[in-house]
């Protein structure tokens, strides 16, 4: 999954938004920055996101995860941030 944004929803839950082909399956996934592991997260499932009425692009997919991620460790304009199933 190519990650576009990280949203810490609560101290125990984080949303990872990005582009992915196929299903987002529950289980252990690794958040990577430039191909190096940064955090291991438990993916609980996928949040349901509605596309905007005027938008022609598909909305990003959102993985609902258990864990804490410090978003300030990532520069989404320079770093290759991915979420990979273990």
PDB file of N, CA and C in Angstrom:
ATOM      1  N   UNK A   1       0.854  -1.172   0.000  1.00  0.00           N
ATOM      2  CA  UNK A   1       0.000   0.000   0.000  1.00  0.00           C
ATOM      3  C   UNK A   1       0.899   1.233   0.000  1.00  0.00           C
ATOM      4  N   UNK A   2       0.707   2.110  -0.956  1.00  0.00           N
ATOM      5  CA  UNK A   2       1.420   3.384  -0.985  1.00  0.00           C
ATOM      6  C   UNK A   2       0.674   4.344  -0.054  1.00  0.00           C
ATOM      7  N   UNK A   3       1.341   4.848   0.972  1.00  0.00           N
ATOM      8  CA  UNK A   3       0.690   5.651   2.009  1.00  0.00           C
ATOM      9  C   UNK A   3       0.734   7.130   1.653  1.00  0.00           C
ATOM     10  N   UNK A   4      -0.445   7.789   1.770  1.00  0.00           N
ATOM     11  CA  UNK A   4      -0.565   9.234   1.526  1.00  0.00           C
ATOM     12  C   UNK A   4      -0.657  10.029   2.813  1.00  0.00           C
ATOM     13  N   UNK A   5      -1.246   9.425   3.857  1.00  0.00           N
ATOM     14  CA  UNK A   5      -1.462  10.165   5.102  1.00  0.00           C
ATOM     15  C   UNK A   5      -1.620   9.184   6.265  1.00  0.00           C
ATOM     16  N   UNK A   6      -1.292   9.680   7.451  1.00  0.00           N
ATOM     17  CA  UNK A   6      -1.428   8.924   8.693  1.00  0.00           C
ATOM     18  C   UNK A   6      -2.237   9.792   9.652  1.00  0.00           C
ATOM     19  N   UNK A   7      -3.342   9.243  10.153  1.00  0.00           N
ATOM     20  CA  UNK A   7      -4.236  10.014  11.020  1.00  0.00           C
ATOM     21  C   UNK A   7      -4.407   9.252  12.333  1.00  0.00           C
ATOM     22  N   UNK A   8      -3.858   9.801  13.405  1.00  0.00           N
ATOM     23  CA  UNK A   8      -3.997   9.166  14.728  1.00  0.00           C
ATOM     24  C   UNK A   8      -5.372   9.539  15.266  1.00  0.00           C
ATOM     25  N   UNK A   9      -6.279   8.566  15.309  1.00  0.00           N
ATOM     26  CA  UNK A   9      -7.660   8.818  15.719  1.00  0.00           C
ATOM     27  C   UNK A   9      -7.827   8.823  17.234  1.00  0.00           C
ATOM     28  N   UNK A  10      -7.029   8.028  17.934  1.00  0.00           N
ATOM     29  CA  UNK A  10      -7.073   7.943  19.387  1.00  0.00           C
ATOM     30  C   UNK A  10      -5.724   7.394  19.835  1.00  0.00           C
ATOM     31  N   UNK A  11      -5.487   7.311  21.137  1.00  0.00           N
ATOM     32  CA  UNK A  11      -4.198   6.760  21.585  1.00  0.00           C
ATOM     33  C   UNK A  11      -3.964   5.308  21.168  1.00  0.00           C
ATOM     34  N   UNK A  12      -5.023   4.614  20.761  1.00  0.00           N
ATOM     35  CA  UNK A  12      -4.867   3.208  20.391  1.00  0.00           C
ATOM     36  C   UNK A  12      -5.203   2.905  18.940  1.00  0.00           C
ATOM     37  N   UNK A  13      -5.720   3.880  18.193  1.00  0.00           N
ATOM     38  CA  UNK A  13      -6.184   3.615  16.835  1.00  0.00           C
ATOM     39  C   UNK A  13      -5.627   4.649  15.857  1.00  0.00           C
ATOM     40  N   UNK A  14      -5.146   4.160  14.710  1.00  0.00           N
ATOM     41  CA  UNK A  14      -4.589   5.041  13.684  1.00  0.00           C
ATOM     42  C   UNK A  14      -5.170   4.635  12.332  1.00  0.00           C
ATOM     43  N   UNK A  15      -5.468   5.629  11.497  1.00  0.00           N
ATOM     44  CA  UNK A  15      -5.924   5.383  10.133  1.00  0.00           C
ATOM     45  C   UNK A  15      -4.745   5.629   9.200  1.00  0.00           C
ATOM     46  N   UNK A  16      -4.517   4.701   8.279  1.00  0.00           N
ATOM     47  CA  UNK A  16      -3.474   4.829   7.271  1.00  0.00           C
ATOM     48  C   UNK A  16      -4.180   4.938   5.918  1.00  0.00           C
ATOM     49  N   UNK A  17      -4.052   6.095   5.255  1.00  0.00           N
ATOM     50  CA  UNK A  17      -4.713   6.336   3.975  1.00  0.00           C
ATOM     51  C   UNK A  17      -3.723   6.185   2.838  1.00  0.00           C
ATOM     52  N   UNK A  18      -4.184   5.534   1.766  1.00  0.00           N
ATOM     53  CA  UNK A  18      -3.295   5.362   0.630  1.00  0.00           C
ATOM     54  C   UNK A  18      -3.948   4.644  -0.525  1.00  0.00           C
ATOM     55  N   UNK A  19      -3.113   4.234  -1.462  1.00  0.00           N
ATOM     56  CA  UNK A  19      -3.565   3.545  -2.670  1.00  0.00           C
ATOM     57  C   UNK A  19      -3.099   2.099  -2.613  1.00  0.00           C
ATOM     58  N   UNK A  20      -4.019   1.183  -2.818  1.00  0.00           N
ATOM     59  CA  UNK A  20      -3.686  -0.237  -2.759  1.00  0.00           C
ATOM     60  C   UNK A  20      -4.555  -1.010  -3.747  1.00  0.00           C
ATOM     61  N   UNK A  21      -3.992  -2.048  -4.318  1.00  0.00           N
ATOM     62  CA  UNK A  21      -4.750  -2.966  -5.161  1.00  0.00           C
ATOM     63  C   UNK A  21      -5.143  -4.164  -4.293  1.00  0.00           C
ATOM     64  N   UNK A  22      -6.327  -4.660  -4.479  1.00  0.00           N
ATOM     65  CA  UNK A  22      -6.760  -5.830  -3.724  1.00  0.00           C
ATOM     66  C   UNK A  22      -7.342  -5.467  -2.372  1.00  0.00           C
ATOM     67  N   UNK A  23      -7.541  -6.496  -1.551  1.00  0.00           N
ATOM     68  CA  UNK A  23      -8.179  -6.330  -0.247  1.00  0.00           C
ATOM     69  C   UNK A  23      -7.172  -5.919   0.819  1.00  0.00           C
ATOM     70  N   UNK A  24      -7.660  -5.172   1.794  1.00  0.00           N
ATOM     71  CA  UNK A  24      -6.885  -4.863   2.999  1.00  0.00           C
ATOM     72  C   UNK A  24      -7.346  -5.871   4.045  1.00  0.00           C
ATOM     73  N   UNK A  25      -6.526  -6.864   4.273  1.00  0.00           N
ATOM     74  CA  UNK A  25      -6.893  -7.967   5.157  1.00  0.00           C
ATOM     75  C   UNK A  25      -6.414  -7.700   6.584  1.00  0.00           C
ATOM     76  N   UNK A  26      -7.213  -8.080   7.584  1.00  0.00           N
ATOM     77  CA  UNK A  26      -6.762  -7.959   8.974  1.00  0.00           C
ATOM     78  C   UNK A  26      -5.508  -8.794   9.216  1.00  0.00           C
ATOM     79  N   UNK A  27      -4.686  -8.320  10.121  1.00  0.00           N
ATOM     80  CA  UNK A  27      -3.456  -9.024  10.468  1.00  0.00           C
ATOM     81  C   UNK A  27      -2.329  -8.043  10.728  1.00  0.00           C
ATOM     82  N   UNK A  28      -1.133  -8.553  10.820  1.00  0.00           N
ATOM     83  CA  UNK A  28       0.032  -7.724  11.109  1.00  0.00           C
ATOM     84  C   UNK A  28       0.614  -7.167   9.807  1.00  0.00           C
ATOM     85  N   UNK A  29       0.860  -5.852   9.815  1.00  0.00           N
ATOM     86  CA  UNK A  29       1.423  -5.150   8.669  1.00  0.00           C
ATOM     87  C   UNK A  29       2.587  -4.304   9.184  1.00  0.00           C
ATOM     88  N   UNK A  30       3.526  -4.002   8.293  1.00  0.00           N
ATOM     89  CA  UNK A  30       4.675  -3.170   8.660  1.00  0.00           C
ATOM     90  C   UNK A  30       4.621  -1.859   7.908  1.00  0.00           C
ATOM     91  N   UNK A  31       4.760  -0.754   8.650  1.00  0.00           N
ATOM     92  CA  UNK A  31       4.850   0.573   8.060  1.00  0.00           C
ATOM     93  C   UNK A  31       6.321   0.824   7.753  1.00  0.00           C
ATOM     94  N   UNK A  32       6.613   1.147   6.491  1.00  0.00           N
ATOM     95  CA  UNK A  32       8.006   1.331   6.066  1.00  0.00           C
ATOM     96  C   UNK A  32       8.232   2.720   5.503  1.00  0.00           C
ATOM     97  N   UNK A  33       9.425   3.234   5.771  1.00  0.00           N
ATOM     98  CA  UNK A  33       9.864   4.513   5.190  1.00  0.00           C
ATOM     99  C   UNK A  33      11.122   4.205   4.398  1.00  0.00           C
ATOM    100  N   UNK A  34      11.077   4.452   3.101  1.00  0.00           N
ATOM    101  CA  UNK A  34      12.205   4.172   2.212  1.00  0.00           C
ATOM    102  C   UNK A  34      12.697   2.732   2.381  1.00  0.00           C
ATOM    103  N   UNK A  35      11.749   1.793   2.412  1.00  0.00           N
ATOM    104  CA  UNK A  35      11.984   0.350   2.462  1.00  0.00           C
ATOM    105  C   UNK A  35      12.529  -0.147   3.800  1.00  0.00           C
ATOM    106  N   UNK A  36      12.565   0.687   4.825  1.00  0.00           N
ATOM    107  CA  UNK A  36      13.015   0.272   6.155  1.00  0.00           C
ATOM    108  C   UNK A  36      11.826   0.271   7.111  1.00  0.00           C
ATOM    109  N   UNK A  37      11.688  -0.795   7.888  1.00  0.00           N
ATOM    110  CA  UNK A  37      10.584  -0.901   8.828  1.00  0.00           C
ATOM    111  C   UNK A  37      10.644   0.164   9.907  1.00  0.00           C
ATOM    112  N   UNK A  38       9.517   0.813  10.151  1.00  0.00           N
ATOM    113  CA  UNK A  38       9.417   1.862  11.165  1.00  0.00           C
ATOM    114  C   UNK A  38       8.507   1.420  12.308  1.00  0.00           C
ATOM    115  N   UNK A  39       7.415   0.722  11.963  1.00  0.00           N
ATOM    116  CA  UNK A  39       6.455   0.287  12.982  1.00  0.00           C
ATOM    117  C   UNK A  39       5.711  -0.940  12.485  1.00  0.00           C
ATOM    118  N   UNK A  40       5.335  -1.795  13.407  1.00  0.00           N
ATOM    119  CA  UNK A  40       4.476  -2.942  13.098  1.00  0.00           C
ATOM    120  C   UNK A  40       3.103  -2.637  13.682  1.00  0.00           C
ATOM    121  N   UNK A  41       2.087  -2.735  12.832  1.00  0.00           N
ATOM    122  CA  UNK A  41       0.726  -2.393  13.229  1.00  0.00           C
ATOM    123  C   UNK A  41      -0.210  -3.570  12.981  1.00  0.00           C
ATOM    124  N   UNK A  42      -1.227  -3.672  13.810  1.00  0.00           N
ATOM    125  CA  UNK A  42      -2.273  -4.660  13.588  1.00  0.00           C
ATOM    126  C   UNK A  42      -3.398  -3.995  12.811  1.00  0.00           C
ATOM    127  N   UNK A  43      -3.609  -4.430  11.576  1.00  0.00           N
ATOM    128  CA  UNK A  43      -4.703  -3.899  10.764  1.00  0.00           C
ATOM    129  C   UNK A  43      -5.977  -4.619  11.171  1.00  0.00           C
ATOM    130  N   UNK A  44      -6.990  -3.827  11.518  1.00  0.00           N
ATOM    131  CA  UNK A  44      -8.270  -4.377  11.954  1.00  0.00           C
ATOM    132  C   UNK A  44      -9.250  -4.527  10.803  1.00  0.00           C
ATOM    133  N   UNK A  45      -9.054  -3.744   9.747  1.00  0.00           N
ATOM    134  CA  UNK A  45      -9.961  -3.780   8.598  1.00  0.00           C
ATOM    135  C   UNK A  45      -9.834  -2.509   7.796  1.00  0.00           C
ATOM    136  N   UNK A  46     -10.831  -2.266   6.959  1.00  0.00           N
ATOM    137  CA  UNK A  46     -10.824  -1.098   6.084  1.00  0.00           C
ATOM    138  C   UNK A  46     -12.005  -0.197   6.396  1.00  0.00           C
ATOM    139  N   UNK A  47     -11.743   1.107   6.537  1.00  0.00           N
ATOM    140  CA  UNK A  47     -12.817   2.082   6.742  1.00  0.00           C
ATOM    141  C   UNK A  47     -13.526   2.313   5.415  1.00  0.00           C
ATOM    142  N   UNK A  48     -14.820   2.536   5.474  1.00  0.00           N
ATOM    143  CA  UNK A  48     -15.595   2.802   4.267  1.00  0.00           C
ATOM    144  C   UNK A  48     -15.609   4.303   3.994  1.00  0.00           C
ATOM    145  N   UNK A  49     -15.088   4.702   2.840  1.00  0.00           N
ATOM    146  CA  UNK A  49     -14.983   6.107   2.452  1.00  0.00           C
ATOM    147  C   UNK A  49     -15.831   6.326   1.203  1.00  0.00           C
ATOM    148  N   UNK A  50     -16.637   7.395   1.213  1.00  0.00           N
ATOM    149  CA  UNK A  50     -17.454   7.710   0.042  1.00  0.00           C
ATOM    150  C   UNK A  50     -16.717   8.690  -0.851  1.00  0.00           C
ATOM    151  N   UNK A  51     -16.830   8.476  -2.150  1.00  0.00           N
ATOM    152  CA  UNK A  51     -16.231   9.396  -3.121  1.00  0.00           C
ATOM    153  C   UNK A  51     -17.066  10.668  -3.178  1.00  0.00           C
ATOM    154  N   UNK A  52     -16.398  11.791  -3.405  1.00  0.00           N
ATOM    155  CA  UNK A  52     -17.119  13.050  -3.594  1.00  0.00           C
ATOM    156  C   UNK A  52     -17.966  12.985  -4.850  1.00  0.00           C
ATOM    157  N   UNK A  53     -19.051  13.710  -4.876  1.00  0.00           N
ATOM    158  CA  UNK A  53     -19.963  13.668  -6.025  1.00  0.00           C
ATOM    159  C   UNK A  53     -19.330  14.238  -7.283  1.00  0.00           C
ATOM    160  N   UNK A  54     -18.519  15.275  -7.137  1.00  0.00           N
ATOM    161  CA  UNK A  54     -17.916  15.920  -8.301  1.00  0.00           C
ATOM    162  C   UNK A  54     -16.588  15.292  -8.687  1.00  0.00           C
ATOM    163  N   UNK A  55     -15.957  14.601  -7.749  1.00  0.00           N
ATOM    164  CA  UNK A  55     -14.634  14.046  -8.005  1.00  0.00           C
ATOM    165  C   UNK A  55     -14.681  12.871  -8.964  1.00  0.00           C
ATOM    166  N   UNK A  56     -13.708  12.824  -9.852  1.00  0.00           N
ATOM    167  CA  UNK A  56     -13.625  11.725 -10.809  1.00  0.00           C
ATOM    168  C   UNK A  56     -12.574  10.716 -10.395  1.00  0.00           C
ATOM    169  N   UNK A  57     -11.738  11.069  -9.427  1.00  0.00           N
ATOM    170  CA  UNK A  57     -10.721  10.147  -8.943  1.00  0.00           C
ATOM    171  C   UNK A  57     -11.293   9.273  -7.839  1.00  0.00           C
ATOM    172  N   UNK A  58     -10.814   8.067  -7.766  1.00  0.00           N
ATOM    173  CA  UNK A  58     -11.239   7.180  -6.686  1.00  0.00           C
ATOM    174  C   UNK A  58     -10.664   7.699  -5.370  1.00  0.00           C
ATOM    175  N   UNK A  59     -11.427   7.648  -4.289  1.00  0.00           N
ATOM    176  CA  UNK A  59     -10.896   8.108  -3.000  1.00  0.00           C
ATOM    177  C   UNK A  59      -9.809   7.155  -2.515  1.00  0.00           C
ATOM    178  N   UNK A  60      -8.936   7.641  -1.643  1.00  0.00           N
ATOM    179  CA  UNK A  60      -7.919   6.733  -1.094  1.00  0.00           C
ATOM    180  C   UNK A  60      -8.579   5.660  -0.240  1.00  0.00           C
ATOM    181  N   UNK A  61      -7.919   4.540  -0.097  1.00  0.00           N
ATOM    182  CA  UNK A  61      -8.370   3.474   0.782  1.00  0.00           C
ATOM    183  C   UNK A  61      -7.790   3.741   2.163  1.00  0.00           C
ATOM    184  N   UNK A  62      -8.499   3.333   3.201  1.00  0.00           N
ATOM    185  CA  UNK A  62      -8.071   3.621   4.570  1.00  0.00           C
ATOM    186  C   UNK A  62      -8.044   2.339   5.393  1.00  0.00           C
ATOM    187  N   UNK A  63      -6.851   2.007   5.884  1.00  0.00           N
ATOM    188  CA  UNK A  63      -6.682   0.856   6.769  1.00  0.00           C
ATOM    189  C   UNK A  63      -6.843   1.332   8.213  1.00  0.00           C
ATOM    190  N   UNK A  64      -7.695   0.660   8.962  1.00  0.00           N
ATOM    191  CA  UNK A  64      -7.888   0.959  10.380  1.00  0.00           C
ATOM    192  C   UNK A  64      -6.924   0.062  11.157  1.00  0.00           C
ATOM    193  N   UNK A  65      -6.039   0.679  11.945  1.00  0.00           N
ATOM    194  CA  UNK A  65      -4.983  -0.074  12.624  1.00  0.00           C
ATOM    195  C   UNK A  65      -4.992   0.180  14.120  1.00  0.00           C
ATOM    196  N   UNK A  66      -4.510  -0.806  14.850  1.00  0.00           N
ATOM    197  CA  UNK A  66      -4.287  -0.664  16.283  1.00  0.00           C
ATOM    198  C   UNK A  66      -2.821  -0.321  16.467  1.00  0.00           C
ATOM    199  N   UNK A  67      -2.565   0.781  17.168  1.00  0.00           N
ATOM    200  CA  UNK A  67      -1.188   1.192  17.418  1.00  0.00           C
ATOM    201  C   UNK A  67      -1.040   2.698  17.406  1.00  0.00           C
ATOM    202  N   UNK A  68       0.194   3.133  17.573  1.00  0.00           N
ATOM    203  CA  UNK A  68       0.516   4.559  17.600  1.00  0.00           C
ATOM    204  C   UNK A  68       1.624   4.806  16.578  1.00  0.00           C
ATOM    205  N   UNK A  69       1.447   5.865  15.766  1.00  0.00           N
ATOM    206  CA  UNK A  69       2.450   6.235  14.774  1.00  0.00           C
ATOM    207  C   UNK A  69       2.705   7.729  14.889  1.00  0.00           C
ATOM    208  N   UNK A  70       3.972   8.119  14.968  1.00  0.00           N
ATOM    209  CA  UNK A  70       4.355   9.527  15.006  1.00  0.00           C
ATOM    210  C   UNK A  70       4.468  10.029  13.575  1.00  0.00           C
ATOM    211  N   UNK A  71       3.434  10.741  13.114  1.00  0.00           N
ATOM    212  CA  UNK A  71       3.378  11.218  11.731  1.00  0.00           C
ATOM    213  C   UNK A  71       4.540  12.154  11.398  1.00  0.00           C
ATOM    214  N   UNK A  72       5.079  12.847  12.388  1.00  0.00           N
ATOM    215  CA  UNK A  72       6.155  13.808  12.131  1.00  0.00           C
ATOM    216  C   UNK A  72       7.440  13.133  11.655  1.00  0.00           C
ATOM    217  N   UNK A  73       7.528  11.811  11.777  1.00  0.00           N
ATOM    218  CA  UNK A  73       8.716  11.073  11.313  1.00  0.00           C
ATOM    219  C   UNK A  73       8.724  10.874   9.797  1.00  0.00           C
ATOM    220  N   UNK A  74       7.632  11.278   9.128  1.00  0.00           N
ATOM    221  CA  UNK A  74       7.493  11.034   7.696  1.00  0.00           C
ATOM    222  C   UNK A  74       7.370  12.334   6.921  1.00  0.00           C
ATOM    223  N   UNK A  75       8.037  12.404   5.785  1.00  0.00           N
ATOM    224  CA  UNK A  75       7.866  13.492   4.829  1.00  0.00           C
ATOM    225  C   UNK A  75       7.278  12.859   3.571  1.00  0.00           C
ATOM    226  N   UNK A  76       5.981  12.993   3.396  1.00  0.00           N
ATOM    227  CA  UNK A  76       5.297  12.309   2.303  1.00  0.00           C
ATOM    228  C   UNK A  76       5.689  12.843   0.930  1.00  0.00           C
ATOM    229  N   UNK A  77       6.345  13.997   0.858  1.00  0.00           N
ATOM    230  CA  UNK A  77       6.792  14.523  -0.432  1.00  0.00           C
ATOM    231  C   UNK A  77       8.139  13.950  -0.848  1.00  0.00           C
ATOM    232  N   UNK A  78       8.938  13.465   0.125  1.00  0.00           N
ATOM    233  CA  UNK A  78      10.267  12.929  -0.192  1.00  0.00           C
ATOM    234  C   UNK A  78      10.418  11.451   0.119  1.00  0.00           C
ATOM    235  N   UNK A  79       9.775  10.970   1.174  1.00  0.00           N
ATOM    236  CA  UNK A  79       9.934   9.576   1.594  1.00  0.00           C
ATOM    237  C   UNK A  79       8.976   8.663   0.826  1.00  0.00           C
ATOM    238  N   UNK A  80       9.408   7.446   0.583  1.00  0.00           N
ATOM    239  CA  UNK A  80       8.552   6.401   0.040  1.00  0.00           C
ATOM    240  C   UNK A  80       7.947   5.682   1.251  1.00  0.00           C
ATOM    241  N   UNK A  81       6.678   5.970   1.556  1.00  0.00           N
ATOM    242  CA  UNK A  81       6.016   5.417   2.733  1.00  0.00           C
ATOM    243  C   UNK A  81       5.034   4.345   2.271  1.00  0.00           C
ATOM    244  N   UNK A  82       5.224   3.125   2.782  1.00  0.00           N
ATOM    245  CA  UNK A  82       4.384   2.010   2.380  1.00  0.00           C
ATOM    246  C   UNK A  82       3.924   1.223   3.607  1.00  0.00           C
ATOM    247  N   UNK A  83       2.823   0.513   3.449  1.00  0.00           N
ATOM    248  CA  UNK A  83       2.302  -0.397   4.450  1.00  0.00           C
ATOM    249  C   UNK A  83       2.278  -1.774   3.798  1.00  0.00           C
ATOM    250  N   UNK A  84       3.045  -2.721   4.378  1.00  0.00           N
ATOM    251  CA  UNK A  84       3.246  -4.031   3.758  1.00  0.00           C
ATOM    252  C   UNK A  84       2.787  -5.122   4.705  1.00  0.00           C
ATOM    253  N   UNK A  85       2.011  -6.047   4.169  1.00  0.00           N
ATOM    254  CA  UNK A  85       1.540  -7.178   4.991  1.00  0.00           C
ATOM    255  C   UNK A  85       2.690  -8.101   5.332  1.00  0.00           C
ATOM    256  N   UNK A  86       2.753  -8.523   6.600  1.00  0.00           N
ATOM    257  CA  UNK A  86       3.805  -9.446   7.020  1.00  0.00           C
ATOM    258  C   UNK A  86       3.388 -10.886   6.833  1.00  0.00           C
TER     259      UNK A  86
END
